[in-house]
Each structure stands twice: as structure tokens, then as C-alpha cells.
Amino acid sequence: MDFLNWYDWITPTNPFAAIFFGIIFTIIVSFTVWVDTKKGRTVGIAALTGVSVTLIGVFILNAVGFYG
């Protein structure tokens, strides 16, 4: 079983890839929020929201059998 494939950034093929690219996207968005606002609380909210959505989304998709 491969953990990452070159095309996983388009449609993740396993939960690890989905979490990995979700966290990478969250870091990019959080950095963009930091550059725009320079407020730590706002960056924290953006990061927490991104990580939460990623983990909940992967859990739901895994529960309905998307990755299997």
C-alpha cells in the first residue's frame, strides 16, 4: 500500500493522503491569513477550523467507505 501517489493532491486515495494535503492546505491558508491580518487569534481560528474540517471530513469519508 502506497501512502502517497503523485495524483493524491487532486483526489486523495487514502486517509493519510487526505489528512496530509488537508494540513498542507491549512498551513497555506493560515499563512495567508497571517500576512493579511497579522493577528494571532485570527490565524489560530483559521488553523483550528482547517484541521477540524480535515479530520471530520476524513472520518466521514472513511466511515462511508470512500477510501476502501
C-alpha atoms as a PDB file:
ATOM      1  CA  MET A   1       0.000   0.000   0.000  1.00  0.00           C
ATOM      2  CA  ASP A   2       1.435   3.338  -1.033  1.00  0.00           C
ATOM      3  CA  PHE A   3       0.968   6.234   1.347  1.00  0.00           C
ATOM      4  CA  LEU A   4       1.176   8.962  -1.282  1.00  0.00           C
ATOM      5  CA  ASN A   5       0.792   8.950  -5.033  1.00  0.00           C
ATOM      6  CA  TRP A   6       1.548  11.849  -7.357  1.00  0.00           C
ATOM      7  CA  TYR A   7      -2.161  12.362  -8.051  1.00  0.00           C
ATOM      8  CA  ASP A   8      -3.287  12.406  -4.384  1.00  0.00           C
ATOM      9  CA  TRP A   9      -3.306  16.197  -4.371  1.00  0.00           C
ATOM     10  CA  ILE A  10      -6.215  16.052  -6.833  1.00  0.00           C
ATOM     11  CA  THR A  11      -8.288  13.298  -5.189  1.00  0.00           C
ATOM     12  CA  PRO A  12      -6.756  11.593  -2.144  1.00  0.00           C
ATOM     13  CA  THR A  13      -6.781   7.811  -2.421  1.00  0.00           C
ATOM     14  CA  ASN A  14      -6.360   7.043   1.287  1.00  0.00           C
ATOM     15  CA  PRO A  15      -6.987   8.747   4.636  1.00  0.00           C
ATOM     16  CA  PHE A  16      -3.291   9.509   5.204  1.00  0.00           C
ATOM     17  CA  ALA A  17      -3.073  11.419   1.925  1.00  0.00           C
ATOM     18  CA  ALA A  18      -6.264  13.336   2.696  1.00  0.00           C
ATOM     19  CA  ILE A  19      -5.003  14.388   6.126  1.00  0.00           C
ATOM     20  CA  PHE A  20      -1.544  15.243   4.758  1.00  0.00           C
ATOM     21  CA  PHE A  21      -2.827  17.506   1.988  1.00  0.00           C
ATOM     22  CA  GLY A  22      -5.544  18.942   4.232  1.00  0.00           C
ATOM     23  CA  ILE A  23      -2.900  20.025   6.751  1.00  0.00           C
ATOM     24  CA  ILE A  24      -0.692  21.439   3.979  1.00  0.00           C
ATOM     25  CA  PHE A  25      -3.641  23.447   2.636  1.00  0.00           C
ATOM     26  CA  THR A  26      -4.458  24.626   6.177  1.00  0.00           C
ATOM     27  CA  ILE A  27      -0.878  25.849   6.658  1.00  0.00           C
ATOM     28  CA  ILE A  28      -1.037  27.789   3.390  1.00  0.00           C
ATOM     29  CA  VAL A  29      -4.375  29.372   4.316  1.00  0.00           C
ATOM     30  CA  SER A  30      -3.169  30.210   7.837  1.00  0.00           C
ATOM     31  CA  PHE A  31      -0.036  31.852   6.447  1.00  0.00           C
ATOM     32  CA  THR A  32      -2.171  33.880   4.052  1.00  0.00           C
ATOM     33  CA  VAL A  33      -4.401  34.976   6.938  1.00  0.00           C
ATOM     34  CA  TRP A  34      -1.288  35.977   8.915  1.00  0.00           C
ATOM     35  CA  VAL A  35       0.058  38.067   6.022  1.00  0.00           C
ATOM     36  CA  ASP A  36      -3.308  39.775   5.638  1.00  0.00           C
ATOM     37  CA  THR A  37      -4.234  40.410   9.290  1.00  0.00           C
ATOM     38  CA  LYS A  38      -1.111  39.989  11.486  1.00  0.00           C
ATOM     39  CA  LYS A  39      -3.414  38.773  14.284  1.00  0.00           C
ATOM     40  CA  GLY A  40      -2.506  35.569  16.072  1.00  0.00           C
ATOM     41  CA  ARG A  41      -6.020  34.850  17.245  1.00  0.00           C
ATOM     42  CA  THR A  42      -7.387  35.026  13.705  1.00  0.00           C
ATOM     43  CA  VAL A  43      -4.630  32.722  12.455  1.00  0.00           C
ATOM     44  CA  GLY A  44      -5.375  30.293  15.289  1.00  0.00           C
ATOM     45  CA  ILE A  45      -9.075  30.226  14.433  1.00  0.00           C
ATOM     46  CA  ALA A  46      -8.284  29.628  10.745  1.00  0.00           C
ATOM     47  CA  ALA A  47      -5.824  26.843  11.594  1.00  0.00           C
ATOM     48  CA  LEU A  48      -8.149  25.169  14.085  1.00  0.00           C
ATOM     49  CA  THR A  49     -11.046  25.330  11.647  1.00  0.00           C
ATOM     50  CA  GLY A  50      -8.931  23.871   8.815  1.00  0.00           C
ATOM     51  CA  VAL A  51      -7.624  20.990  10.915  1.00  0.00           C
ATOM     52  CA  SER A  52     -11.114  20.254  12.299  1.00  0.00           C
ATOM     53  CA  VAL A  53     -12.733  20.210   8.866  1.00  0.00           C
ATOM     54  CA  THR A  54      -9.943  17.986   7.529  1.00  0.00           C
ATOM     55  CA  LEU A  55     -10.204  15.442  10.338  1.00  0.00           C
ATOM     56  CA  ILE A  56     -14.017  15.356  10.409  1.00  0.00           C
ATOM     57  CA  GLY A  57     -14.162  15.089   6.612  1.00  0.00           C
ATOM     58  CA  VAL A  58     -11.672  12.212   6.522  1.00  0.00           C
ATOM     59  CA  PHE A  59     -13.551  10.444   9.330  1.00  0.00           C
ATOM     60  CA  ILE A  60     -16.878  10.738   7.498  1.00  0.00           C
ATOM     61  CA  LEU A  61     -15.440   9.682   4.125  1.00  0.00           C
ATOM     62  CA  ASN A  62     -13.692   6.729   5.746  1.00  0.00           C
ATOM     63  CA  ALA A  63     -16.908   5.738   7.557  1.00  0.00           C
ATOM     64  CA  VAL A  64     -18.934   5.622   4.332  1.00  0.00           C
ATOM     65  CA  GLY A  65     -16.251   3.605   2.547  1.00  0.00           C
ATOM     66  CA  PHE A  66     -14.828   6.223   0.194  1.00  0.00           C
ATOM     67  CA  TYR A  67     -11.236   5.047   0.683  1.00  0.00           C
ATOM     68  CA  GLY A  68     -11.960   1.329   0.663  1.00  0.00           C
END
